[in-house]
C-alpha cells in the first residue's frame, strides 16, 4: 500500500486537502486523520493560563483531590 501525506482543513463535514492526491476517481483509499490544534501565540497562552488561575478551582493538587474523594465517599 502506498502512503500519501497531505495537509488540509475541515470545513463543516468536508475535508479540503491543500493538494490533489492524483488518484483515479472512485479509487478506494484508507484515511488517517491527525488533528493539529492551532498554534497559540505566547500572549494567548498567557491569557489562557490567567483564566485558569482565576477560576479558583476547588482542588489544589492530587493529594487534596484524593482526600476530598475519600471524605465524600465516607460521609456521603
N, C-alpha and C. Protein backbone atom coordinates (compact mmCIF):
# COMPACT_ATOMS: atom_id res chain seq x y z
N UNK A 1 0.85 -1.17 0.00
CA UNK A 1 0.00 0.00 0.00
C UNK A 1 0.89 1.24 0.00
N UNK A 2 0.54 2.20 -0.79
CA UNK A 2 1.28 3.45 -0.89
C UNK A 2 0.70 4.44 0.11
N UNK A 3 1.55 5.15 0.82
CA UNK A 3 1.09 6.17 1.77
C UNK A 3 1.32 7.55 1.18
N UNK A 4 0.29 8.37 1.21
CA UNK A 4 0.37 9.76 0.77
C UNK A 4 0.05 10.64 1.97
N UNK A 5 0.83 11.65 2.20
CA UNK A 5 0.58 12.57 3.31
C UNK A 5 0.18 13.91 2.70
N UNK A 6 -0.98 14.39 3.07
CA UNK A 6 -1.47 15.67 2.57
C UNK A 6 -2.03 16.48 3.73
N UNK A 7 -1.82 17.77 3.71
CA UNK A 7 -2.40 18.65 4.71
C UNK A 7 -3.73 19.16 4.17
N UNK A 8 -4.58 19.56 5.10
CA UNK A 8 -5.88 20.10 4.72
C UNK A 8 -6.56 20.70 5.91
N UNK A 9 -7.84 20.96 5.75
CA UNK A 9 -8.63 21.52 6.85
C UNK A 9 -10.05 20.98 6.74
N UNK A 10 -10.74 21.00 7.85
CA UNK A 10 -12.12 20.54 7.89
C UNK A 10 -13.02 21.75 7.79
N UNK A 11 -13.93 21.69 6.84
CA UNK A 11 -14.93 22.74 6.67
C UNK A 11 -16.28 22.06 6.73
N UNK A 12 -16.98 22.25 7.84
CA UNK A 12 -18.25 21.54 8.03
C UNK A 12 -17.97 20.05 8.14
N UNK A 13 -18.56 19.28 7.25
CA UNK A 13 -18.35 17.83 7.24
C UNK A 13 -17.42 17.40 6.10
N UNK A 14 -16.73 18.35 5.49
CA UNK A 14 -15.88 18.08 4.35
C UNK A 14 -14.43 18.32 4.70
N UNK A 15 -13.55 17.43 4.25
CA UNK A 15 -12.12 17.60 4.40
C UNK A 15 -11.59 18.17 3.09
N UNK A 16 -11.01 19.35 3.15
CA UNK A 16 -10.47 20.02 1.97
C UNK A 16 -8.95 19.90 2.03
N UNK A 17 -8.37 19.20 1.06
CA UNK A 17 -6.92 19.00 1.02
C UNK A 17 -6.26 20.19 0.36
N UNK A 18 -5.03 20.47 0.78
CA UNK A 18 -4.27 21.57 0.20
C UNK A 18 -3.69 21.20 -1.17
N UNK A 19 -3.62 19.91 -1.50
CA UNK A 19 -3.08 19.48 -2.78
C UNK A 19 -3.86 18.27 -3.28
N UNK A 20 -3.89 18.09 -4.58
CA UNK A 20 -4.56 16.94 -5.19
C UNK A 20 -3.83 15.65 -4.85
N UNK A 21 -4.56 14.55 -4.77
CA UNK A 21 -3.95 13.26 -4.50
C UNK A 21 -3.40 12.61 -5.76
N UNK A 22 -3.99 12.91 -6.89
CA UNK A 22 -3.55 12.30 -8.13
C UNK A 22 -4.01 10.86 -8.30
N UNK A 23 -5.09 10.49 -7.65
CA UNK A 23 -5.64 9.14 -7.76
C UNK A 23 -6.81 9.14 -8.73
N UNK A 24 -7.07 8.01 -9.36
CA UNK A 24 -8.22 7.94 -10.25
C UNK A 24 -9.52 8.10 -9.48
N UNK A 25 -10.52 8.67 -10.13
CA UNK A 25 -11.83 8.86 -9.49
C UNK A 25 -12.41 7.49 -9.13
N UNK A 26 -12.93 7.39 -7.91
CA UNK A 26 -13.53 6.15 -7.44
C UNK A 26 -12.54 5.19 -6.81
N UNK A 27 -11.28 5.58 -6.72
CA UNK A 27 -10.27 4.70 -6.10
C UNK A 27 -10.56 4.57 -4.62
N UNK A 28 -10.40 3.36 -4.10
CA UNK A 28 -10.59 3.12 -2.68
C UNK A 28 -9.34 3.58 -1.93
N UNK A 29 -9.56 4.30 -0.85
CA UNK A 29 -8.45 4.79 -0.05
C UNK A 29 -8.74 4.55 1.42
N UNK A 30 -7.68 4.47 2.22
CA UNK A 30 -7.79 4.41 3.67
C UNK A 30 -7.25 5.73 4.19
N UNK A 31 -8.00 6.39 5.06
CA UNK A 31 -7.64 7.73 5.52
C UNK A 31 -7.30 7.70 6.99
N UNK A 32 -6.21 8.35 7.36
CA UNK A 32 -5.85 8.56 8.76
C UNK A 32 -5.81 10.07 8.98
N UNK A 33 -6.55 10.55 9.95
CA UNK A 33 -6.61 11.98 10.20
C UNK A 33 -5.84 12.29 11.47
N UNK A 34 -4.96 13.27 11.38
CA UNK A 34 -4.20 13.74 12.54
C UNK A 34 -4.58 15.18 12.78
N UNK A 35 -5.15 15.44 13.92
CA UNK A 35 -5.59 16.79 14.28
C UNK A 35 -4.41 17.59 14.81
N UNK A 36 -4.22 18.77 14.29
CA UNK A 36 -3.18 19.66 14.78
C UNK A 36 -3.85 20.95 15.23
N UNK A 37 -3.96 21.14 16.54
CA UNK A 37 -4.61 22.37 17.02
C UNK A 37 -3.83 23.60 16.58
N UNK A 38 -4.54 24.68 16.45
CA UNK A 38 -3.91 25.93 16.05
C UNK A 38 -2.84 26.33 17.06
N UNK A 39 -1.76 26.86 16.57
CA UNK A 39 -0.67 27.28 17.43
C UNK A 39 -1.04 28.62 18.05
N UNK A 40 -1.00 28.66 19.36
CA UNK A 40 -1.33 29.89 20.07
C UNK A 40 -0.08 30.74 20.24
N UNK A 41 -0.28 32.03 20.22
CA UNK A 41 0.84 32.93 20.46
C UNK A 41 1.16 32.90 21.96
N UNK A 42 2.35 33.31 22.35
CA UNK A 42 2.66 33.35 23.78
C UNK A 42 1.67 34.20 24.57
N UNK A 43 1.17 35.28 23.97
CA UNK A 43 0.19 36.13 24.66
C UNK A 43 -1.12 35.37 24.88
N UNK A 44 -1.56 34.60 23.88
CA UNK A 44 -2.79 33.81 24.01
C UNK A 44 -2.62 32.73 25.08
N UNK A 45 -1.46 32.11 25.11
CA UNK A 45 -1.20 31.08 26.12
C UNK A 45 -1.20 31.69 27.52
N UNK A 46 -0.61 32.88 27.67
CA UNK A 46 -0.58 33.56 28.96
C UNK A 46 -1.98 33.93 29.40
N UNK A 47 -2.81 34.42 28.47
CA UNK A 47 -4.20 34.77 28.80
C UNK A 47 -4.98 33.53 29.23
N UNK A 48 -4.77 32.40 28.54
CA UNK A 48 -5.45 31.16 28.91
C UNK A 48 -5.02 30.71 30.30
N UNK A 49 -3.73 30.81 30.58
CA UNK A 49 -3.23 30.45 31.91
C UNK A 49 -3.85 31.34 32.98
N UNK A 50 -3.94 32.64 32.73
CA UNK A 50 -4.54 33.55 33.70
C UNK A 50 -6.02 33.23 33.93
N UNK A 51 -6.74 32.84 32.86
CA UNK A 51 -8.16 32.45 33.02
C UNK A 51 -8.27 31.21 33.89
N UNK A 52 -7.37 30.24 33.69
CA UNK A 52 -7.39 29.03 34.52
C UNK A 52 -7.10 29.35 35.98
N UNK A 53 -6.08 30.17 36.19
CA UNK A 53 -5.70 30.51 37.57
C UNK A 53 -6.79 31.32 38.26
N UNK A 54 -7.53 32.13 37.53
CA UNK A 54 -8.57 32.96 38.14
C UNK A 54 -9.84 32.18 38.46
N UNK A 55 -9.94 30.92 38.03
CA UNK A 55 -11.14 30.13 38.27
C UNK A 55 -11.30 29.73 39.72
N UNK A 56 -10.23 29.76 40.50
CA UNK A 56 -10.29 29.37 41.90
C UNK A 56 -10.90 27.98 42.04
N UNK A 57 -10.29 27.03 41.36
CA UNK A 57 -10.79 25.66 41.36
C UNK A 57 -10.68 25.03 42.74
N UNK A 58 -11.58 24.13 43.09
CA UNK A 58 -11.62 23.58 44.45
C UNK A 58 -10.49 22.62 44.78
N UNK A 59 -9.77 22.11 43.81
CA UNK A 59 -8.72 21.13 44.06
C UNK A 59 -7.37 21.76 43.75
N UNK A 60 -6.49 21.78 44.74
CA UNK A 60 -5.18 22.39 44.56
C UNK A 60 -4.16 21.41 44.02
N UNK A 61 -4.24 20.15 44.44
CA UNK A 61 -3.26 19.17 43.99
C UNK A 61 -3.86 17.77 44.13
N UNK A 62 -3.10 16.77 43.71
CA UNK A 62 -3.58 15.38 43.72
C UNK A 62 -3.93 14.90 45.12
N UNK A 63 -3.10 15.20 46.10
CA UNK A 63 -3.37 14.74 47.45
C UNK A 63 -4.68 15.31 47.99
N UNK A 64 -4.92 16.60 47.75
CA UNK A 64 -6.17 17.21 48.21
C UNK A 64 -7.37 16.57 47.51
N UNK A 65 -7.25 16.31 46.22
CA UNK A 65 -8.35 15.68 45.49
C UNK A 65 -8.63 14.30 46.05
N UNK A 66 -7.58 13.55 46.35
CA UNK A 66 -7.74 12.22 46.91
C UNK A 66 -8.44 12.28 48.27
N UNK A 67 -8.02 13.21 49.14
CA UNK A 67 -8.64 13.36 50.45
C UNK A 67 -10.11 13.74 50.31
N UNK A 68 -10.43 14.66 49.41
CA UNK A 68 -11.82 15.08 49.24
C UNK A 68 -12.67 13.94 48.68
N UNK A 69 -12.10 13.11 47.82
CA UNK A 69 -12.84 11.97 47.27
C UNK A 69 -13.14 10.96 48.37
N UNK A 70 -12.16 10.65 49.19
CA UNK A 70 -12.35 9.70 50.30
C UNK A 70 -13.36 10.25 51.29
N UNK A 71 -13.21 11.53 51.65
CA UNK A 71 -14.13 12.16 52.60
C UNK A 71 -15.57 12.13 52.05
N UNK A 72 -15.73 12.41 50.76
CA UNK A 72 -17.07 12.37 50.15
C UNK A 72 -17.65 10.98 50.14
N UNK A 73 -16.81 9.95 49.93
CA UNK A 73 -17.31 8.57 49.93
C UNK A 73 -17.70 8.13 51.32
N UNK A 74 -16.94 8.53 52.34
CA UNK A 74 -17.21 8.13 53.72
C UNK A 74 -18.43 8.86 54.26
N UNK A 75 -18.53 10.17 54.00
CA UNK A 75 -19.62 10.98 54.53
C UNK A 75 -20.91 10.82 53.74
N UNK A 76 -20.80 10.52 52.47
CA UNK A 76 -21.98 10.50 51.61
C UNK A 76 -22.60 9.19 51.53
